[in-house]
Amino acid sequence: MRNAEFTDPRLVAVYDVECRWGPDDDFFVTEVGVSPAARVLDFGCGTGRLALALAAAGHTVTGVDPARASLDAARAKPGADRVTWVEGGAEVLPGGAYDVAVMTSHVAQFVVDDDEWRRVLAALRRALRTGGRLLFDSRDPADRRWERWNRVDSRRSVRLSDGSEVVTWTEVTDARDGVVRFTRHFGFADGELRGDAVLRFRTEGELRDSLAQAGFRVQRIHGGWQGEPVGAGDDGEFVVVATAG
């Protein structure tokens, strides 16, 4: 599910600065808030941005992630003692323990293999009470977002907390059959680090079919963070709200 960007402490620090609060976080906080004081699973919680906000909003939050370096960064943040942090993947999820499960920042796309995706969805269904909700995002392949992942369009400068600057850009190495392989380049003052990754771009139909097979009922799929219809917004997203049947 994860790559060097989430396991190398130097790259985790870059990720934490790059990925600030955004409209996706606002959406998930609002949507989770439909269930006051909910037991929330943040699956693939990364460095804890959303988990910490949900805990501060009064929810009982468990953040699960297989990347120890990301969890270490999360545990070091203010308010981290309000969240239960667990290192692992789908295999560590208890049964019937949560009212809401979220997968944000396109965590679902890091599950590339279809069999693994089925196992993850099955584990999330078991972890939710009947009637509990699953919320997640996945990029719409029709948007072809990966075509903008090149040295020119993806280049950005990131200033870290110590004042140093890191230049990042993304290079796609292969894109076929809904699977996109790419390398992220990180230019530090003392040299470049690279992180290879693979993402799966599932169609709306593939998402709906896999959710139904896992025992979920799709309530809504938006095309953006403001509730736009699929294909109508500029975000290039599938924003999924499903219920455990």
C-alpha atoms as a PDB file:
ATOM      1  CA  MET A   1       0.000   0.000   0.000  1.00  0.00           C
ATOM      2  CA  ARG A   2       2.870   2.362   0.763  1.00  0.00           C
ATOM      3  CA  ASN A   3       6.169   3.397  -0.794  1.00  0.00           C
ATOM      4  CA  ALA A   4       9.385   5.191   0.156  1.00  0.00           C
ATOM      5  CA  GLU A   5       7.575   8.511   0.425  1.00  0.00           C
ATOM      6  CA  PHE A   6       5.880   7.119   3.530  1.00  0.00           C
ATOM      7  CA  THR A   7       8.684   4.959   4.953  1.00  0.00           C
ATOM      8  CA  ASP A   8      11.828   7.107   4.607  1.00  0.00           C
ATOM      9  CA  PRO A   9      11.843   9.709   7.430  1.00  0.00           C
ATOM     10  CA  ARG A  10      13.349  12.405   5.180  1.00  0.00           C
ATOM     11  CA  LEU A  11      10.626  11.911   2.580  1.00  0.00           C
ATOM     12  CA  VAL A  12       7.919  11.680   5.230  1.00  0.00           C
ATOM     13  CA  ALA A  13       8.952  15.166   6.363  1.00  0.00           C
ATOM     14  CA  VAL A  14       8.518  16.445   2.796  1.00  0.00           C
ATOM     15  CA  TYR A  15       5.136  14.744   2.474  1.00  0.00           C
ATOM     16  CA  ASP A  16       3.966  16.306   5.728  1.00  0.00           C
ATOM     17  CA  VAL A  17       4.749  19.806   4.462  1.00  0.00           C
ATOM     18  CA  GLU A  18       3.431  19.210   0.940  1.00  0.00           C
ATOM     19  CA  CYS A  19       0.112  17.758   2.022  1.00  0.00           C
ATOM     20  CA  ARG A  20      -1.535  20.518   3.997  1.00  0.00           C
ATOM     21  CA  TRP A  21      -5.189  20.752   4.981  1.00  0.00           C
ATOM     22  CA  GLY A  22      -7.484  21.014   1.972  1.00  0.00           C
ATOM     23  CA  PRO A  23     -11.074  20.717   0.742  1.00  0.00           C
ATOM     24  CA  ASP A  24     -10.824  16.921   0.901  1.00  0.00           C
ATOM     25  CA  ASP A  25     -10.189  17.130   4.650  1.00  0.00           C
ATOM     26  CA  ASP A  26     -13.132  19.511   5.060  1.00  0.00           C
ATOM     27  CA  PHE A  27     -15.342  17.017   3.238  1.00  0.00           C
ATOM     28  CA  PHE A  28     -14.328  14.068   5.396  1.00  0.00           C
ATOM     29  CA  VAL A  29     -14.629  15.982   8.674  1.00  0.00           C
ATOM     30  CA  THR A  30     -18.128  17.128   7.700  1.00  0.00           C
ATOM     31  CA  GLU A  31     -19.187  13.690   6.500  1.00  0.00           C
ATOM     32  CA  VAL A  32     -17.862  11.874   9.576  1.00  0.00           C
ATOM     33  CA  GLY A  33     -19.588  14.506  11.722  1.00  0.00           C
ATOM     34  CA  VAL A  34     -22.967  13.191  10.548  1.00  0.00           C
ATOM     35  CA  SER A  35     -22.328  10.507  13.202  1.00  0.00           C
ATOM     36  CA  PRO A  36     -21.574  12.472  16.418  1.00  0.00           C
ATOM     37  CA  ALA A  37     -18.949  11.008  18.760  1.00  0.00           C
ATOM     38  CA  ALA A  38     -18.352   8.186  16.274  1.00  0.00           C
ATOM     39  CA  ARG A  39     -15.824   5.385  16.538  1.00  0.00           C
ATOM     40  CA  VAL A  40     -13.684   6.181  13.499  1.00  0.00           C
ATOM     41  CA  LEU A  41     -11.085   4.120  11.666  1.00  0.00           C
ATOM     42  CA  ASP A  42      -8.611   6.145   9.597  1.00  0.00           C
ATOM     43  CA  PHE A  43      -7.182   3.367   7.431  1.00  0.00           C
ATOM     44  CA  GLY A  44      -3.897   4.425   5.863  1.00  0.00           C
ATOM     45  CA  CYS A  45      -3.713   7.396   8.221  1.00  0.00           C
ATOM     46  CA  GLY A  46      -0.211   8.478   7.154  1.00  0.00           C
ATOM     47  CA  THR A  47       1.160  11.305   9.284  1.00  0.00           C
ATOM     48  CA  GLY A  48      -2.186  11.781  11.001  1.00  0.00           C
ATOM     49  CA  ARG A  49      -3.498  15.083   9.667  1.00  0.00           C
ATOM     50  CA  LEU A  50      -7.123  13.945   9.431  1.00  0.00           C
ATOM     51  CA  ALA A  51      -7.059  11.523  12.370  1.00  0.00           C
ATOM     52  CA  LEU A  52      -5.958  14.304  14.711  1.00  0.00           C
ATOM     53  CA  ALA A  53      -8.674  16.661  13.447  1.00  0.00           C
ATOM     54  CA  LEU A  54     -11.350  14.003  13.880  1.00  0.00           C
ATOM     55  CA  ALA A  55     -10.188  13.294  17.421  1.00  0.00           C
ATOM     56  CA  ALA A  56     -10.224  17.025  18.203  1.00  0.00           C
ATOM     57  CA  ALA A  57     -13.826  17.102  16.931  1.00  0.00           C
ATOM     58  CA  GLY A  58     -14.838  14.595  19.608  1.00  0.00           C
ATOM     59  CA  HIS A  59     -14.640  11.272  17.786  1.00  0.00           C
ATOM     60  CA  THR A  60     -12.867   8.169  19.080  1.00  0.00           C
ATOM     61  CA  VAL A  61     -10.221   7.635  16.421  1.00  0.00           C
ATOM     62  CA  THR A  62      -7.918   4.760  15.511  1.00  0.00           C
ATOM     63  CA  GLY A  63      -5.248   5.460  12.913  1.00  0.00           C
ATOM     64  CA  VAL A  64      -3.867   2.402  11.121  1.00  0.00           C
ATOM     65  CA  ASP A  65      -0.900   2.498   8.745  1.00  0.00           C
ATOM     66  CA  PRO A  66       1.804   0.008   7.716  1.00  0.00           C
ATOM     67  CA  ALA A  67       4.538   2.685   7.548  1.00  0.00           C
ATOM     68  CA  ARG A  68       6.298   3.141  10.874  1.00  0.00           C
ATOM     69  CA  ALA A  69       8.015   6.382   9.839  1.00  0.00           C
ATOM     70  CA  SER A  70       4.645   7.953   9.031  1.00  0.00           C
ATOM     71  CA  LEU A  71       3.198   6.822  12.363  1.00  0.00           C
ATOM     72  CA  ASP A  72       6.247   8.179  14.187  1.00  0.00           C
ATOM     73  CA  ALA A  73       5.571  11.574  12.616  1.00  0.00           C
ATOM     74  CA  ALA A  74       1.905  11.344  13.602  1.00  0.00           C
ATOM     75  CA  ARG A  75       2.701  10.394  17.194  1.00  0.00           C
ATOM     76  CA  ALA A  76       4.987  13.427  17.546  1.00  0.00           C
ATOM     77  CA  LYS A  77       2.230  15.932  16.753  1.00  0.00           C
ATOM     78  CA  PRO A  78       0.168  17.896  19.299  1.00  0.00           C
ATOM     79  CA  GLY A  79      -2.948  15.994  20.319  1.00  0.00           C
ATOM     80  CA  ALA A  80      -1.547  12.637  19.227  1.00  0.00           C
ATOM     81  CA  ASP A  81      -2.446  11.097  22.591  1.00  0.00           C
ATOM     82  CA  ARG A  82      -6.113  11.396  21.626  1.00  0.00           C
ATOM     83  CA  VAL A  83      -5.662   8.868  18.810  1.00  0.00           C
ATOM     84  CA  THR A  84      -4.907   5.151  19.006  1.00  0.00           C
ATOM     85  CA  TRP A  85      -2.110   4.507  16.500  1.00  0.00           C
ATOM     86  CA  VAL A  86      -1.680   0.987  15.101  1.00  0.00           C
ATOM     87  CA  GLU A  87       1.061  -0.208  12.772  1.00  0.00           C
ATOM     88  CA  GLY A  88      -0.265  -2.654  10.182  1.00  0.00           C
ATOM     89  CA  GLY A  89      -2.759  -3.219   7.412  1.00  0.00           C
ATOM     90  CA  ALA A  90      -6.091  -4.940   6.935  1.00  0.00           C
ATOM     91  CA  GLU A  91      -4.948  -7.907   9.021  1.00  0.00           C
ATOM     92  CA  VAL A  92      -4.985  -5.875  12.268  1.00  0.00           C
ATOM     93  CA  LEU A  93      -8.592  -4.657  12.008  1.00  0.00           C
ATOM     94  CA  PRO A  94     -10.954  -5.955  14.710  1.00  0.00           C
ATOM     95  CA  GLY A  95     -14.528  -6.966  13.962  1.00  0.00           C
ATOM     96  CA  GLY A  96     -17.475  -4.609  14.412  1.00  0.00           C
ATOM     97  CA  ALA A  97     -15.378  -1.970  16.158  1.00  0.00           C
ATOM     98  CA  TYR A  98     -16.175   1.157  14.123  1.00  0.00           C
ATOM     99  CA  ASP A  99     -19.074   3.353  13.059  1.00  0.00           C
ATOM    100  CA  VAL A 100     -17.152   5.040  10.222  1.00  0.00           C
ATOM    101  CA  ALA A 101     -14.058   4.067   8.229  1.00  0.00           C
ATOM    102  CA  VAL A 102     -12.182   6.519   6.023  1.00  0.00           C
ATOM    103  CA  MET A 103      -9.456   6.053   3.423  1.00  0.00           C
ATOM    104  CA  THR A 104      -8.149   9.428   2.309  1.00  0.00           C
ATOM    105  CA  SER A 105      -5.385  10.858   0.127  1.00  0.00           C
ATOM    106  CA  HIS A 106      -6.081   8.145  -2.457  1.00  0.00           C
ATOM    107  CA  VAL A 107      -5.010   5.320  -0.159  1.00  0.00           C
ATOM    108  CA  ALA A 108      -7.427   3.057  -2.060  1.00  0.00           C
ATOM    109  CA  GLN A 109      -5.327   3.462  -5.203  1.00  0.00           C
ATOM    110  CA  PHE A 110      -2.213   2.083  -3.532  1.00  0.00           C
ATOM    111  CA  VAL A 111      -4.037  -1.255  -3.341  1.00  0.00           C
ATOM    112  CA  VAL A 112      -3.209  -2.260  -6.900  1.00  0.00           C
ATOM    113  CA  ASP A 113      -3.942  -5.994  -7.010  1.00  0.00           C
ATOM    114  CA  ASP A 114      -7.624  -6.911  -7.347  1.00  0.00           C
ATOM    115  CA  ASP A 115      -7.405  -9.805  -4.884  1.00  0.00           C
ATOM    116  CA  GLU A 116      -5.770  -7.566  -2.297  1.00  0.00           C
ATOM    117  CA  TRP A 117      -8.439  -4.911  -2.906  1.00  0.00           C
ATOM    118  CA  ARG A 118     -11.123  -7.515  -2.221  1.00  0.00           C
ATOM    119  CA  ARG A 119      -9.361  -8.523   0.997  1.00  0.00           C
ATOM    120  CA  VAL A 120      -9.097  -4.909   2.134  1.00  0.00           C
ATOM    121  CA  LEU A 121     -12.773  -4.213   1.463  1.00  0.00           C
ATOM    122  CA  ALA A 122     -13.767  -7.456   3.217  1.00  0.00           C
ATOM    123  CA  ALA A 123     -11.683  -6.477   6.252  1.00  0.00           C
ATOM    124  CA  LEU A 124     -13.230  -2.999   6.317  1.00  0.00           C
ATOM    125  CA  ARG A 125     -16.712  -4.506   6.103  1.00  0.00           C
ATOM    126  CA  ARG A 126     -15.938  -6.782   9.079  1.00  0.00           C
ATOM    127  CA  ALA A 127     -14.485  -3.863  11.019  1.00  0.00           C
ATOM    128  CA  LEU A 128     -17.639  -1.768  10.617  1.00  0.00           C
ATOM    129  CA  ARG A 129     -20.877  -2.324  12.484  1.00  0.00           C
ATOM    130  CA  THR A 130     -23.870  -3.078  10.269  1.00  0.00           C
ATOM    131  CA  GLY A 131     -25.016   0.292   8.949  1.00  0.00           C
ATOM    132  CA  GLY A 132     -21.576   1.801   9.432  1.00  0.00           C
ATOM    133  CA  ARG A 133     -20.160   3.969   6.672  1.00  0.00           C
ATOM    134  CA  LEU A 134     -17.080   3.747   4.457  1.00  0.00           C
ATOM    135  CA  LEU A 135     -15.782   7.003   2.967  1.00  0.00           C
ATOM    136  CA  PHE A 136     -12.911   7.200   0.512  1.00  0.00           C
ATOM    137  CA  ASP A 137     -11.496   8.930  -2.545  1.00  0.00           C
ATOM    138  CA  SER A 138     -10.053   7.552  -5.774  1.00  0.00           C
ATOM    139  CA  ARG A 139      -9.049   9.472  -8.887  1.00  0.00           C
ATOM    140  CA  ASP A 140     -11.309   9.178 -11.913  1.00  0.00           C
ATOM    141  CA  PRO A 141      -9.282   7.525 -14.720  1.00  0.00           C
ATOM    142  CA  ALA A 142     -11.263   9.557 -17.266  1.00  0.00           C
ATOM    143  CA  ASP A 143      -9.504  12.662 -15.925  1.00  0.00           C
ATOM    144  CA  ARG A 144      -6.118  11.156 -16.897  1.00  0.00           C
ATOM    145  CA  ARG A 145      -4.409  13.072 -14.099  1.00  0.00           C
ATOM    146  CA  TRP A 146      -1.157  11.143 -14.595  1.00  0.00           C
ATOM    147  CA  GLU A 147      -0.569  12.984 -17.884  1.00  0.00           C
ATOM    148  CA  ARG A 148       0.304  16.038 -15.759  1.00  0.00           C
ATOM    149  CA  TRP A 149       2.876  14.121 -13.757  1.00  0.00           C
ATOM    150  CA  ASN A 150       5.997  15.281 -15.570  1.00  0.00           C
ATOM    151  CA  ARG A 151       9.059  17.373 -14.807  1.00  0.00           C
ATOM    152  CA  VAL A 152       7.434  20.638 -15.874  1.00  0.00           C
ATOM    153  CA  ASP A 153       3.835  20.415 -14.676  1.00  0.00           C
ATOM    154  CA  SER A 154       4.514  18.633 -11.382  1.00  0.00           C
ATOM    155  CA  ARG A 155       7.595  20.575 -10.260  1.00  0.00           C
ATOM    156  CA  ARG A 156       7.300  22.363  -6.939  1.00  0.00           C
ATOM    157  CA  SER A 157       9.521  23.675  -4.164  1.00  0.00           C
ATOM    158  CA  VAL A 158       8.883  22.612  -0.579  1.00  0.00           C
ATOM    159  CA  ARG A 159      10.346  24.494   2.384  1.00  0.00           C
ATOM    160  CA  LEU A 160      10.881  22.297   5.414  1.00  0.00           C
ATOM    161  CA  SER A 161      10.636  23.337   9.069  1.00  0.00           C
ATOM    162  CA  ASP A 162      14.440  23.747   9.285  1.00  0.00           C
ATOM    163  CA  GLY A 163      14.354  26.301   6.472  1.00  0.00           C
ATOM    164  CA  SER A 164      15.849  24.012   3.832  1.00  0.00           C
ATOM    165  CA  GLU A 165      14.244  23.692   0.408  1.00  0.00           C
ATOM    166  CA  VAL A 166      13.433  20.494  -1.459  1.00  0.00           C
ATOM    167  CA  VAL A 167      12.508  20.484  -5.151  1.00  0.00           C
ATOM    168  CA  THR A 168      10.119  17.701  -6.132  1.00  0.00           C
ATOM    169  CA  TRP A 169       8.706  16.421  -9.406  1.00  0.00           C
ATOM    170  CA  THR A 170       7.016  13.283 -10.698  1.00  0.00           C
ATOM    171  CA  GLU A 171       7.916  11.091 -13.669  1.00  0.00           C
ATOM    172  CA  VAL A 172       5.488   8.492 -15.024  1.00  0.00           C
ATOM    173  CA  THR A 173       7.348   5.377 -16.163  1.00  0.00           C
ATOM    174  CA  ASP A 174       4.380   3.287 -17.361  1.00  0.00           C
ATOM    175  CA  ALA A 175       0.615   3.640 -17.690  1.00  0.00           C
ATOM    176  CA  ARG A 176      -1.571   0.828 -18.949  1.00  0.00           C
ATOM    177  CA  ASP A 177      -4.722  -1.111 -18.019  1.00  0.00           C
ATOM    178  CA  GLY A 178      -5.561   1.262 -15.184  1.00  0.00           C
ATOM    179  CA  VAL A 179      -2.150   0.871 -13.520  1.00  0.00           C
ATOM    180  CA  VAL A 180       0.224   3.849 -13.398  1.00  0.00           C
ATOM    181  CA  ARG A 181       3.846   3.459 -12.308  1.00  0.00           C
ATOM    182  CA  PHE A 182       5.832   6.545 -11.458  1.00  0.00           C
ATOM    183  CA  THR A 183       8.906   7.892  -9.718  1.00  0.00           C
ATOM    184  CA  ARG A 184       8.929  10.905  -7.432  1.00  0.00           C
ATOM    185  CA  HIS A 185      12.158  12.893  -7.418  1.00  0.00           C
ATOM    186  CA  PHE A 186      13.233  14.828  -4.314  1.00  0.00           C
ATOM    187  CA  GLY A 187      16.127  17.246  -4.741  1.00  0.00           C
ATOM    188  CA  PHE A 188      17.796  17.905  -1.386  1.00  0.00           C
ATOM    189  CA  ALA A 189      20.862  20.127  -0.925  1.00  0.00           C
ATOM    190  CA  ASP A 190      23.021  17.021  -0.501  1.00  0.00           C
ATOM    191  CA  GLY A 191      21.601  15.076  -3.447  1.00  0.00           C
ATOM    192  CA  GLU A 192      18.473  13.505  -4.884  1.00  0.00           C
ATOM    193  CA  LEU A 193      16.287  10.820  -3.360  1.00  0.00           C
ATOM    194  CA  ARG A 194      13.711   8.911  -5.375  1.00  0.00           C
ATOM    195  CA  GLY A 195      10.571   7.013  -4.493  1.00  0.00           C
ATOM    196  CA  ASP A 196       8.911   4.551  -6.869  1.00  0.00           C
ATOM    197  CA  ALA A 197       5.180   3.930  -6.590  1.00  0.00           C
ATOM    198  CA  VAL A 198       2.252   2.262  -8.335  1.00  0.00           C
ATOM    199  CA  LEU A 199      -1.375   3.396  -8.352  1.00  0.00           C
ATOM    200  CA  ARG A 200      -4.520   1.681  -9.605  1.00  0.00           C
ATOM    201  CA  PHE A 201      -7.110   3.863 -11.328  1.00  0.00           C
ATOM    202  CA  ARG A 202     -10.419   1.990 -11.023  1.00  0.00           C
ATOM    203  CA  THR A 203     -13.478   3.049 -12.975  1.00  0.00           C
ATOM    204  CA  GLU A 204     -16.720   3.954 -11.246  1.00  0.00           C
ATOM    205  CA  GLY A 205     -18.159   0.630 -12.358  1.00  0.00           C
ATOM    206  CA  GLU A 206     -15.212  -1.290 -10.914  1.00  0.00           C
ATOM    207  CA  LEU A 207     -15.562   0.514  -7.606  1.00  0.00           C
ATOM    208  CA  ARG A 208     -19.297  -0.102  -7.416  1.00  0.00           C
ATOM    209  CA  ASP A 209     -18.947  -3.794  -8.291  1.00  0.00           C
ATOM    210  CA  SER A 210     -16.160  -4.435  -5.777  1.00  0.00           C
ATOM    211  CA  LEU A 211     -18.041  -2.637  -3.007  1.00  0.00           C
ATOM    212  CA  ALA A 212     -21.208  -4.624  -3.678  1.00  0.00           C
ATOM    213  CA  GLN A 213     -19.272  -7.895  -3.619  1.00  0.00           C
ATOM    214  CA  ALA A 214     -17.798  -6.926  -0.235  1.00  0.00           C
ATOM    215  CA  GLY A 215     -21.200  -6.243   1.296  1.00  0.00           C
ATOM    216  CA  PHE A 216     -21.426  -2.469   0.910  1.00  0.00           C
ATOM    217  CA  ARG A 217     -24.275  -0.382  -0.507  1.00  0.00           C
ATOM    218  CA  VAL A 218     -23.092   2.680  -2.395  1.00  0.00           C
ATOM    219  CA  GLN A 219     -25.020   5.718  -1.219  1.00  0.00           C
ATOM    220  CA  ARG A 220     -23.293   8.406  -3.272  1.00  0.00           C
ATOM    221  CA  ILE A 221     -20.316   8.918  -5.560  1.00  0.00           C
ATOM    222  CA  HIS A 222     -19.380  12.545  -6.118  1.00  0.00           C
ATOM    223  CA  GLY A 223     -17.080  13.907  -8.777  1.00  0.00           C
ATOM    224  CA  GLY A 224     -15.474  16.469  -6.464  1.00  0.00           C
ATOM    225  CA  TRP A 225     -15.239  17.867  -2.960  1.00  0.00           C
ATOM    226  CA  GLN A 226     -18.243  20.158  -3.367  1.00  0.00           C
ATOM    227  CA  GLY A 227     -20.589  17.300  -4.224  1.00  0.00           C
ATOM    228  CA  GLU A 228     -20.366  17.692  -8.009  1.00  0.00           C
ATOM    229  CA  PRO A 229     -21.646  14.889 -10.254  1.00  0.00           C
ATOM    230  CA  VAL A 230     -19.004  12.519 -11.559  1.00  0.00           C
ATOM    231  CA  GLY A 231     -17.118  14.145 -14.435  1.00  0.00           C
ATOM    232  CA  ALA A 232     -18.609  17.587 -13.825  1.00  0.00           C
ATOM    233  CA  GLY A 233     -15.990  19.107 -11.530  1.00  0.00           C
ATOM    234  CA  ASP A 234     -12.331  20.038 -11.813  1.00  0.00           C
ATOM    235  CA  ASP A 235     -11.079  17.726  -9.078  1.00  0.00           C
ATOM    236  CA  GLY A 236     -10.976  14.548 -11.160  1.00  0.00           C
ATOM    237  CA  GLU A 237     -12.150  12.493  -8.205  1.00  0.00           C
ATOM    238  CA  PHE A 238     -14.503   9.740  -7.205  1.00  0.00           C
ATOM    239  CA  VAL A 239     -15.608  10.582  -3.660  1.00  0.00           C
ATOM    240  CA  VAL A 240     -17.389   7.504  -2.354  1.00  0.00           C
ATOM    241  CA  VAL A 241     -19.899   7.165   0.475  1.00  0.00           C
ATOM    242  CA  ALA A 242     -20.993   3.572   1.132  1.00  0.00           C
ATOM    243  CA  THR A 243     -22.846   1.757   3.897  1.00  0.00           C
ATOM    244  CA  ALA A 244     -22.047  -1.653   5.376  1.00  0.00           C
ATOM    245  CA  GLY A 245     -25.063  -3.877   4.676  1.00  0.00           C
END
